[in-house]
Structures are given as structure tokens and as C-alpha cells.
Amino acid sequence: MIGPSIVLSAVLAVFHVSLYVLIRGRTGARLPLLLLAAFLGAWAGDSIGGRLGADPLQVGDYSVLTASLVAWLGIGAIAVLGVLGSVGGPEAEARQ
């Protein structure tokens, strides 16, 4: 049985990655990695927020604010690794 935490984390991950793509403009082949990192970050953030118990924005037992923050940390980590790992560095990515 799938718990509500997994479903809400997936919805939150899709929302935040969509917002990231809207801001950034494109992601290329990194989209699956961004979705995975945002999902795992949101799921971990919910767990952290539940343990701390200090999240002001909750939906039931789901800690939305903490999950969102950790999801953005995951998105940021993939974005930084993508820039560092690209052939030619940031200059080559800017020319594309």
C-alpha cells in the first residue's frame, strides 16, 4: 500500500521541478535526475519536518515547508553537478 507521504512528495516534486524549468528555461537530459532528487528530497524533508515538529505549513501530518526546502536542495545539487560535469564548463552550456 502506498502511503500519503509518497504521493504528496511526488506531487510536490513535480511542482518544484516544473517551477525550476519555468525559471531556468530548459534542463535537457537532467529532467529525470531532477525529478528523482526533488522526490527524494521532499520525502526526506517530510520526515525531518515530522521529527522536528516545527513546520508552520502542514497538510495533515505532511510537512510541506520542510519538504519543499529539502526538495530545492536536491534540485540545486543536480543543477550544480550538471554545470560542473558538462563538457566545456559553463561557457559551453551558455552557448547552447
PDB file of N, CA and C in Angstrom:
ATOM      1  N   MET A   1       0.836  -1.187   0.000  1.00  0.00           N
ATOM      2  CA  MET A   1       0.000   0.000   0.000  1.00  0.00           C
ATOM      3  C   MET A   1       0.878   1.247   0.000  1.00  0.00           C
ATOM      4  N   ILE A   2       0.546   2.202  -0.848  1.00  0.00           N
ATOM      5  CA  ILE A   2       1.300   3.445  -0.954  1.00  0.00           C
ATOM      6  C   ILE A   2       0.748   4.438   0.059  1.00  0.00           C
ATOM      7  N   GLY A   3       1.654   4.977   0.874  1.00  0.00           N
ATOM      8  CA  GLY A   3       1.241   5.933   1.884  1.00  0.00           C
ATOM      9  C   GLY A   3       1.063   7.325   1.301  1.00  0.00           C
ATOM     10  N   PRO A   4       0.351   8.181   2.016  1.00  0.00           N
ATOM     11  CA  PRO A   4       0.117   9.536   1.516  1.00  0.00           C
ATOM     12  C   PRO A   4       1.396  10.370   1.427  1.00  0.00           C
ATOM     13  N   SER A   5       2.391  10.045   2.223  1.00  0.00           N
ATOM     14  CA  SER A   5       3.644  10.783   2.177  1.00  0.00           C
ATOM     15  C   SER A   5       4.336  10.636   0.827  1.00  0.00           C
ATOM     16  N   ILE A   6       4.299   9.441   0.257  1.00  0.00           N
ATOM     17  CA  ILE A   6       4.944   9.204  -1.035  1.00  0.00           C
ATOM     18  C   ILE A   6       4.201   9.956  -2.141  1.00  0.00           C
ATOM     19  N   VAL A   7       2.892   9.922  -2.103  1.00  0.00           N
ATOM     20  CA  VAL A   7       2.097  10.601  -3.135  1.00  0.00           C
ATOM     21  C   VAL A   7       2.280  12.114  -3.050  1.00  0.00           C
ATOM     22  N   LEU A   8       2.220  12.670  -1.851  1.00  0.00           N
ATOM     23  CA  LEU A   8       2.402  14.110  -1.688  1.00  0.00           C
ATOM     24  C   LEU A   8       3.821  14.537  -2.058  1.00  0.00           C
ATOM     25  N   SER A   9       4.807  13.699  -1.777  1.00  0.00           N
ATOM     26  CA  SER A   9       6.185  14.009  -2.169  1.00  0.00           C
ATOM     27  C   SER A   9       6.327  14.014  -3.683  1.00  0.00           C
ATOM     28  N   ALA A  10       5.659  13.090  -4.362  1.00  0.00           N
ATOM     29  CA  ALA A  10       5.709  13.053  -5.827  1.00  0.00           C
ATOM     30  C   ALA A  10       5.049  14.298  -6.419  1.00  0.00           C
ATOM     31  N   VAL A  11       3.911  14.696  -5.880  1.00  0.00           N
ATOM     32  CA  VAL A  11       3.213  15.891  -6.370  1.00  0.00           C
ATOM     33  C   VAL A  11       4.064  17.132  -6.124  1.00  0.00           C
ATOM     34  N   LEU A  12       4.649  17.227  -4.953  1.00  0.00           N
ATOM     35  CA  LEU A  12       5.490  18.369  -4.619  1.00  0.00           C
ATOM     36  C   LEU A  12       6.741  18.400  -5.501  1.00  0.00           C
ATOM     37  N   ALA A  13       7.309  17.237  -5.791  1.00  0.00           N
ATOM     38  CA  ALA A  13       8.496  17.164  -6.648  1.00  0.00           C
ATOM     39  C   ALA A  13       8.176  17.637  -8.057  1.00  0.00           C
ATOM     40  N   VAL A  14       7.070  17.201  -8.598  1.00  0.00           N
ATOM     41  CA  VAL A  14       6.681  17.626  -9.950  1.00  0.00           C
ATOM     42  C   VAL A  14       6.439  19.131  -9.977  1.00  0.00           C
ATOM     43  N   PHE A  15       5.790  19.662  -8.946  1.00  0.00           N
ATOM     44  CA  PHE A  15       5.538  21.097  -8.884  1.00  0.00           C
ATOM     45  C   PHE A  15       6.840  21.894  -8.854  1.00  0.00           C
ATOM     46  N   HIS A  16       7.778  21.503  -7.984  1.00  0.00           N
ATOM     47  CA  HIS A  16       9.013  22.270  -7.837  1.00  0.00           C
ATOM     48  C   HIS A  16       9.929  22.125  -9.046  1.00  0.00           C
ATOM     49  N   VAL A  17       9.976  20.961  -9.647  1.00  0.00           N
ATOM     50  CA  VAL A  17      10.781  20.803 -10.862  1.00  0.00           C
ATOM     51  C   VAL A  17      10.156  21.607 -12.007  1.00  0.00           C
ATOM     52  N   SER A  18       8.843  21.647 -12.084  1.00  0.00           N
ATOM     53  CA  SER A  18       8.181  22.466 -13.099  1.00  0.00           C
ATOM     54  C   SER A  18       8.496  23.945 -12.894  1.00  0.00           C
ATOM     55  N   LEU A  19       8.500  24.377 -11.663  1.00  0.00           N
ATOM     56  CA  LEU A  19       8.852  25.757 -11.352  1.00  0.00           C
ATOM     57  C   LEU A  19      10.305  26.040 -11.710  1.00  0.00           C
ATOM     58  N   TYR A  20      11.193  25.091 -11.438  1.00  0.00           N
ATOM     59  CA  TYR A  20      12.602  25.236 -11.789  1.00  0.00           C
ATOM     60  C   TYR A  20      12.781  25.346 -13.303  1.00  0.00           C
ATOM     61  N   VAL A  21      12.078  24.514 -14.061  1.00  0.00           N
ATOM     62  CA  VAL A  21      12.166  24.560 -15.523  1.00  0.00           C
ATOM     63  C   VAL A  21      11.592  25.877 -16.040  1.00  0.00           C
ATOM     64  N   LEU A  22      10.531  26.379 -15.439  1.00  0.00           N
ATOM     65  CA  LEU A  22       9.957  27.661 -15.825  1.00  0.00           C
ATOM     66  C   LEU A  22      10.961  28.790 -15.607  1.00  0.00           C
ATOM     67  N   ILE A  23      11.671  28.750 -14.497  1.00  0.00           N
ATOM     68  CA  ILE A  23      12.659  29.781 -14.182  1.00  0.00           C
ATOM     69  C   ILE A  23      13.901  29.629 -15.063  1.00  0.00           C
ATOM     70  N   ARG A  24      14.407  28.422 -15.176  1.00  0.00           N
ATOM     71  CA  ARG A  24      15.659  28.155 -15.895  1.00  0.00           C
ATOM     72  C   ARG A  24      15.475  28.176 -17.404  1.00  0.00           C
ATOM     73  N   GLY A  25      14.370  27.709 -17.886  1.00  0.00           N
ATOM     74  CA  GLY A  25      14.120  27.707 -19.315  1.00  0.00           C
ATOM     75  C   GLY A  25      14.231  26.339 -19.951  1.00  0.00           C
ATOM     76  N   ARG A  26      15.207  25.555 -19.555  1.00  0.00           N
ATOM     77  CA  ARG A  26      15.374  24.207 -20.099  1.00  0.00           C
ATOM     78  C   ARG A  26      16.279  23.419 -19.158  1.00  0.00           C
ATOM     79  N   THR A  27      16.191  22.104 -19.253  1.00  0.00           N
ATOM     80  CA  THR A  27      17.042  21.265 -18.414  1.00  0.00           C
ATOM     81  C   THR A  27      17.757  20.187 -19.204  1.00  0.00           C
ATOM     82  N   GLY A  28      17.300  19.922 -20.410  1.00  0.00           N
ATOM     83  CA  GLY A  28      17.948  18.894 -21.223  1.00  0.00           C
ATOM     84  C   GLY A  28      17.671  17.507 -20.675  1.00  0.00           C
ATOM     85  N   ALA A  29      18.710  16.692 -20.639  1.00  0.00           N
ATOM     86  CA  ALA A  29      18.575  15.298 -20.204  1.00  0.00           C
ATOM     87  C   ALA A  29      18.579  15.154 -18.689  1.00  0.00           C
ATOM     88  N   ARG A  30      18.695  16.256 -17.960  1.00  0.00           N
ATOM     89  CA  ARG A  30      18.733  16.184 -16.494  1.00  0.00           C
ATOM     90  C   ARG A  30      17.360  16.083 -15.847  1.00  0.00           C
ATOM     91  N   LEU A  31      16.301  16.166 -16.626  1.00  0.00           N
ATOM     92  CA  LEU A  31      14.951  16.187 -16.067  1.00  0.00           C
ATOM     93  C   LEU A  31      14.642  14.967 -15.197  1.00  0.00           C
ATOM     94  N   PRO A  32      14.954  13.728 -15.616  1.00  0.00           N
ATOM     95  CA  PRO A  32      14.677  12.588 -14.722  1.00  0.00           C
ATOM     96  C   PRO A  32      15.465  12.653 -13.414  1.00  0.00           C
ATOM     97  N   LEU A  33      16.715  13.119 -13.494  1.00  0.00           N
ATOM     98  CA  LEU A  33      17.507  13.254 -12.265  1.00  0.00           C
ATOM     99  C   LEU A  33      16.948  14.338 -11.358  1.00  0.00           C
ATOM    100  N   LEU A  34      16.479  15.418 -11.954  1.00  0.00           N
ATOM    101  CA  LEU A  34      15.865  16.481 -11.155  1.00  0.00           C
ATOM    102  C   LEU A  34      14.609  15.989 -10.452  1.00  0.00           C
ATOM    103  N   LEU A  35      13.784  15.240 -11.173  1.00  0.00           N
ATOM    104  CA  LEU A  35      12.565  14.697 -10.562  1.00  0.00           C
ATOM    105  C   LEU A  35      12.893  13.736  -9.430  1.00  0.00           C
ATOM    106  N   LEU A  36      13.881  12.880  -9.644  1.00  0.00           N
ATOM    107  CA  LEU A  36      14.275  11.928  -8.601  1.00  0.00           C
ATOM    108  C   LEU A  36      14.835  12.651  -7.382  1.00  0.00           C
ATOM    109  N   ALA A  37      15.709  13.618  -7.611  1.00  0.00           N
ATOM    110  CA  ALA A  37      16.293  14.362  -6.488  1.00  0.00           C
ATOM    111  C   ALA A  37      15.233  15.153  -5.732  1.00  0.00           C
ATOM    112  N   ALA A  38      14.303  15.762  -6.454  1.00  0.00           N
ATOM    113  CA  ALA A  38      13.242  16.528  -5.787  1.00  0.00           C
ATOM    114  C   ALA A  38      12.308  15.602  -5.015  1.00  0.00           C
ATOM    115  N   PHE A  39      11.992  14.438  -5.585  1.00  0.00           N
ATOM    116  CA  PHE A  39      11.126  13.482  -4.886  1.00  0.00           C
ATOM    117  C   PHE A  39      11.791  12.976  -3.608  1.00  0.00           C
ATOM    118  N   LEU A  40      13.043  12.546  -3.721  1.00  0.00           N
ATOM    119  CA  LEU A  40      13.746  12.042  -2.534  1.00  0.00           C
ATOM    120  C   LEU A  40      13.948  13.149  -1.507  1.00  0.00           C
ATOM    121  N   GLY A  41      14.210  14.363  -1.989  1.00  0.00           N
ATOM    122  CA  GLY A  41      14.354  15.490  -1.074  1.00  0.00           C
ATOM    123  C   GLY A  41      13.059  15.822  -0.351  1.00  0.00           C
ATOM    124  N   ALA A  42      11.949  15.808  -1.080  1.00  0.00           N
ATOM    125  CA  ALA A  42      10.657  16.099  -0.450  1.00  0.00           C
ATOM    126  C   ALA A  42      10.284  15.019   0.550  1.00  0.00           C
ATOM    127  N   TRP A  43      10.564  13.782   0.197  1.00  0.00           N
ATOM    128  CA  TRP A  43      10.252  12.675   1.108  1.00  0.00           C
ATOM    129  C   TRP A  43      11.100  12.760   2.371  1.00  0.00           C
ATOM    130  N   ALA A  44      12.398  13.045   2.209  1.00  0.00           N
ATOM    131  CA  ALA A  44      13.283  13.198   3.364  1.00  0.00           C
ATOM    132  C   ALA A  44      12.914  14.446   4.162  1.00  0.00           C
ATOM    133  N   GLY A  45      12.549  15.520   3.470  1.00  0.00           N
ATOM    134  CA  GLY A  45      12.165  16.747   4.158  1.00  0.00           C
ATOM    135  C   GLY A  45      10.917  16.577   4.998  1.00  0.00           C
ATOM    136  N   ASP A  46       9.968  15.776   4.499  1.00  0.00           N
ATOM    137  CA  ASP A  46       8.772  15.486   5.291  1.00  0.00           C
ATOM    138  C   ASP A  46       9.147  14.723   6.556  1.00  0.00           C
ATOM    139  N   SER A  47      10.051  13.788   6.419  1.00  0.00           N
ATOM    140  CA  SER A  47      10.483  13.012   7.578  1.00  0.00           C
ATOM    141  C   SER A  47      11.197  13.903   8.600  1.00  0.00           C
ATOM    142  N   ILE A  48      12.061  14.776   8.110  1.00  0.00           N
ATOM    143  CA  ILE A  48      12.774  15.698   9.004  1.00  0.00           C
ATOM    144  C   ILE A  48      11.798  16.653   9.681  1.00  0.00           C
ATOM    145  N   GLY A  49      10.870  17.204   8.891  1.00  0.00           N
ATOM    146  CA  GLY A  49       9.874  18.121   9.452  1.00  0.00           C
ATOM    147  C   GLY A  49       8.977  17.446  10.470  1.00  0.00           C
ATOM    148  N   GLY A  50       8.665  16.180  10.242  1.00  0.00           N
ATOM    149  CA  GLY A  50       7.848  15.439  11.204  1.00  0.00           C
ATOM    150  C   GLY A  50       8.572  15.201  12.511  1.00  0.00           C
ATOM    151  N   ARG A  51       9.870  14.963  12.407  1.00  0.00           N
ATOM    152  CA  ARG A  51      10.657  14.752  13.631  1.00  0.00           C
ATOM    153  C   ARG A  51      10.859  16.042  14.415  1.00  0.00           C
ATOM    154  N   LEU A  52      11.087  17.147  13.675  1.00  0.00           N
ATOM    155  CA  LEU A  52      11.287  18.429  14.358  1.00  0.00           C
ATOM    156  C   LEU A  52       9.990  18.977  14.928  1.00  0.00           C
ATOM    157  N   GLY A  53       8.905  18.785  14.193  1.00  0.00           N
ATOM    158  CA  GLY A  53       7.600  19.234  14.664  1.00  0.00           C
ATOM    159  C   GLY A  53       7.430  20.739  14.682  1.00  0.00           C
ATOM    160  N   ALA A  54       8.272  21.461  13.941  1.00  0.00           N
ATOM    161  CA  ALA A  54       8.217  22.920  13.964  1.00  0.00           C
ATOM    162  C   ALA A  54       7.864  23.503  12.606  1.00  0.00           C
ATOM    163  N   ASP A  55       7.236  22.741  11.739  1.00  0.00           N
ATOM    164  CA  ASP A  55       6.882  23.224  10.410  1.00  0.00           C
ATOM    165  C   ASP A  55       5.558  23.982  10.488  1.00  0.00           C
ATOM    166  N   PRO A  56       5.559  25.276  10.150  1.00  0.00           N
ATOM    167  CA  PRO A  56       4.312  26.048  10.246  1.00  0.00           C
ATOM    168  C   PRO A  56       3.307  25.751   9.134  1.00  0.00           C
ATOM    169  N   LEU A  57       3.747  25.110   8.056  1.00  0.00           N
ATOM    170  CA  LEU A  57       2.865  24.821   6.933  1.00  0.00           C
ATOM    171  C   LEU A  57       2.744  23.310   6.771  1.00  0.00           C
ATOM    172  N   GLN A  58       1.625  22.769   7.253  1.00  0.00           N
ATOM    173  CA  GLN A  58       1.415  21.323   7.200  1.00  0.00           C
ATOM    174  C   GLN A  58       0.077  20.999   6.564  1.00  0.00           C
ATOM    175  N   VAL A  59       0.043  19.861   5.883  1.00  0.00           N
ATOM    176  CA  VAL A  59      -1.200  19.295   5.358  1.00  0.00           C
ATOM    177  C   VAL A  59      -1.367  17.969   6.083  1.00  0.00           C
ATOM    178  N   GLY A  60      -2.198  17.943   7.076  1.00  0.00           N
ATOM    179  CA  GLY A  60      -2.300  16.756   7.918  1.00  0.00           C
ATOM    180  C   GLY A  60      -1.001  16.568   8.676  1.00  0.00           C
ATOM    181  N   ASP A  61      -0.363  15.427   8.460  1.00  0.00           N
ATOM    182  CA  ASP A  61       0.936  15.174   9.080  1.00  0.00           C
ATOM    183  C   ASP A  61       2.094  15.471   8.138  1.00  0.00           C
ATOM    184  N   TYR A  62       1.820  15.938   6.944  1.00  0.00           N
ATOM    185  CA  TYR A  62       2.861  16.182   5.944  1.00  0.00           C
ATOM    186  C   TYR A  62       3.427  17.592   6.116  1.00  0.00           C
ATOM    187  N   SER A  63       4.727  17.681   6.299  1.00  0.00           N
ATOM    188  CA  SER A  63       5.422  18.956   6.497  1.00  0.00           C
ATOM    189  C   SER A  63       5.789  19.563   5.152  1.00  0.00           C
ATOM    190  N   VAL A  64       4.963  20.455   4.656  1.00  0.00           N
ATOM    191  CA  VAL A  64       5.114  20.993   3.307  1.00  0.00           C
ATOM    192  C   VAL A  64       6.322  21.915   3.194  1.00  0.00           C
ATOM    193  N   LEU A  65       6.526  22.793   4.142  1.00  0.00           N
ATOM    194  CA  LEU A  65       7.625  23.756   4.058  1.00  0.00           C
ATOM    195  C   LEU A  65       8.985  23.064   4.108  1.00  0.00           C
ATOM    196  N   THR A  66       9.178  22.169   5.042  1.00  0.00           N
ATOM    197  CA  THR A  66      10.439  21.449   5.150  1.00  0.00           C
ATOM    198  C   THR A  66      10.665  20.561   3.932  1.00  0.00           C
ATOM    199  N   ALA A  67       9.629  19.914   3.459  1.00  0.00           N
ATOM    200  CA  ALA A  67       9.751  19.075   2.264  1.00  0.00           C
ATOM    201  C   ALA A  67      10.126  19.920   1.052  1.00  0.00           C
ATOM    202  N   SER A  68       9.554  21.098   0.934  1.00  0.00           N
ATOM    203  CA  SER A  68       9.880  21.978  -0.187  1.00  0.00           C
ATOM    204  C   SER A  68      11.325  22.455  -0.126  1.00  0.00           C
ATOM    205  N   LEU A  69      11.768  22.826   1.054  1.00  0.00           N
ATOM    206  CA  LEU A  69      13.156  23.288   1.194  1.00  0.00           C
ATOM    207  C   LEU A  69      14.162  22.197   0.828  1.00  0.00           C
ATOM    208  N   VAL A  70      13.939  20.997   1.308  1.00  0.00           N
ATOM    209  CA  VAL A  70      14.878  19.906   1.009  1.00  0.00           C
ATOM    210  C   VAL A  70      14.759  19.471  -0.449  1.00  0.00           C
ATOM    211  N   ALA A  71      13.576  19.582  -1.036  1.00  0.00           N
ATOM    212  CA  ALA A  71      13.430  19.291  -2.469  1.00  0.00           C
ATOM    213  C   ALA A  71      14.247  20.284  -3.291  1.00  0.00           C
ATOM    214  N   TRP A  72      14.229  21.555  -2.916  1.00  0.00           N
ATOM    215  CA  TRP A  72      15.028  22.547  -3.626  1.00  0.00           C
ATOM    216  C   TRP A  72      16.521  22.317  -3.419  1.00  0.00           C
ATOM    217  N   LEU A  73      16.909  21.788  -2.275  1.00  0.00           N
ATOM    218  CA  LEU A  73      18.315  21.416  -2.079  1.00  0.00           C
ATOM    219  C   LEU A  73      18.720  20.316  -3.056  1.00  0.00           C
ATOM    220  N   GLY A  74      17.834  19.345  -3.255  1.00  0.00           N
ATOM    221  CA  GLY A  74      18.106  18.280  -4.226  1.00  0.00           C
ATOM    222  C   GLY A  74      18.185  18.814  -5.644  1.00  0.00           C
ATOM    223  N   ILE A  75      17.274  19.706  -6.008  1.00  0.00           N
ATOM    224  CA  ILE A  75      17.289  20.312  -7.341  1.00  0.00           C
ATOM    225  C   ILE A  75      18.576  21.116  -7.525  1.00  0.00           C
ATOM    226  N   GLY A  76      18.953  21.862  -6.517  1.00  0.00           N
ATOM    227  CA  GLY A  76      20.188  22.648  -6.586  1.00  0.00           C
ATOM    228  C   GLY A  76      21.424  21.781  -6.718  1.00  0.00           C
ATOM    229  N   ALA A  77      21.448  20.664  -6.024  1.00  0.00           N
ATOM    230  CA  ALA A  77      22.600  19.760  -6.116  1.00  0.00           C
ATOM    231  C   ALA A  77      22.737  19.200  -7.525  1.00  0.00           C
ATOM    232  N   ILE A  78      21.640  18.798  -8.139  1.00  0.00           N
ATOM    233  CA  ILE A  78      21.684  18.276  -9.512  1.00  0.00           C
ATOM    234  C   ILE A  78      22.077  19.380 -10.486  1.00  0.00           C
ATOM    235  N   ALA A  79      21.582  20.585 -10.285  1.00  0.00           N
ATOM    236  CA  ALA A  79      21.932  21.698 -11.169  1.00  0.00           C
ATOM    237  C   ALA A  79      23.419  22.015 -11.086  1.00  0.00           C
ATOM    238  N   VAL A  80      23.969  22.039  -9.882  1.00  0.00           N
ATOM    239  CA  VAL A  80      25.399  22.317  -9.714  1.00  0.00           C
ATOM    240  C   VAL A  80      26.238  21.192 -10.309  1.00  0.00           C
ATOM    241  N   LEU A  81      25.854  19.959 -10.048  1.00  0.00           N
ATOM    242  CA  LEU A  81      26.594  18.833 -10.626  1.00  0.00           C
ATOM    243  C   LEU A  81      26.493  18.820 -12.145  1.00  0.00           C
ATOM    244  N   GLY A  82      25.373  19.237 -12.684  1.00  0.00           N
ATOM    245  CA  GLY A  82      25.210  19.300 -14.133  1.00  0.00           C
ATOM    246  C   GLY A  82      26.121  20.336 -14.767  1.00  0.00           C
ATOM    247  N   VAL A  83      26.266  21.473 -14.112  1.00  0.00           N
ATOM    248  CA  VAL A  83      27.151  22.514 -14.638  1.00  0.00           C
ATOM    249  C   VAL A  83      28.606  22.090 -14.500  1.00  0.00           C
ATOM    250  N   LEU A  84      28.957  21.508 -13.362  1.00  0.00           N
ATOM    251  CA  LEU A  84      30.335  21.078 -13.157  1.00  0.00           C
ATOM    252  C   LEU A  84      30.721  19.913 -14.055  1.00  0.00           C
ATOM    253  N   GLY A  85      29.768  19.068 -14.373  1.00  0.00           N
ATOM    254  CA  GLY A  85      30.057  17.890 -15.177  1.00  0.00           C
ATOM    255  C   GLY A  85      29.905  18.088 -16.663  1.00  0.00           C
ATOM    256  N   SER A  86      29.449  19.277 -17.087  1.00  0.00           N
ATOM    257  CA  SER A  86      29.248  19.492 -18.519  1.00  0.00           C
ATOM    258  C   SER A  86      30.590  19.654 -19.221  1.00  0.00           C
ATOM    259  N   VAL A  87      30.660  19.186 -20.449  1.00  0.00           N
ATOM    260  CA  VAL A  87      31.874  19.290 -21.240  1.00  0.00           C
ATOM    261  C   VAL A  87      32.058  20.738 -21.665  1.00  0.00           C
ATOM    262  N   GLY A  88      33.169  21.311 -21.350  1.00  0.00           N
ATOM    263  CA  GLY A  88      33.433  22.706 -21.708  1.00  0.00           C
ATOM    264  C   GLY A  88      33.074  23.697 -20.629  1.00  0.00           C
ATOM    265  N   GLY A  89      32.478  23.259 -19.554  1.00  0.00           N
ATOM    266  CA  GLY A  89      32.145  24.143 -18.442  1.00  0.00           C
ATOM    267  C   GLY A  89      30.914  24.988 -18.703  1.00  0.00           C
ATOM    268  N   PRO A  90      30.704  26.009 -17.893  1.00  0.00           N
ATOM    269  CA  PRO A  90      29.513  26.851 -18.008  1.00  0.00           C
ATOM    270  C   PRO A  90      29.465  27.657 -19.306  1.00  0.00           C
ATOM    271  N   GLU A  91      30.619  27.972 -19.869  1.00  0.00           N
ATOM    272  CA  GLU A  91      30.631  28.736 -21.112  1.00  0.00           C
ATOM    273  C   GLU A  91      29.983  27.959 -22.253  1.00  0.00           C
ATOM    274  N   ALA A  92      30.289  26.657 -22.330  1.00  0.00           N
ATOM    275  CA  ALA A  92      29.713  25.818 -23.397  1.00  0.00           C
ATOM    276  C   ALA A  92      28.203  25.675 -23.221  1.00  0.00           C
ATOM    277  N   GLU A  93      27.751  25.603 -21.974  1.00  0.00           N
ATOM    278  CA  GLU A  93      26.312  25.483 -21.721  1.00  0.00           C
ATOM    279  C   GLU A  93      25.595  26.777 -22.069  1.00  0.00           C
ATOM    280  N   ALA A  94      26.234  27.916 -21.847  1.00  0.00           N
ATOM    281  CA  ALA A  94      25.618  29.202 -22.156  1.00  0.00           C
ATOM    282  C   ALA A  94      25.495  29.414 -23.666  1.00  0.00           C
ATOM    283  N   ARG A  95      26.399  28.842 -24.445  1.00  0.00           N
ATOM    284  CA  ARG A  95      26.343  28.999 -25.901  1.00  0.00           C
ATOM    285  C   ARG A  95      25.252  28.172 -26.540  1.00  0.00           C
ATOM    286  N   GLN A  96      24.760  27.135 -25.884  1.00  0.00           N
ATOM    287  CA  GLN A  96      23.767  26.244 -26.487  1.00  0.00           C
ATOM    288  C   GLN A  96      22.422  26.853 -26.540  1.00  0.00           C
TER     289      GLN A  96
END
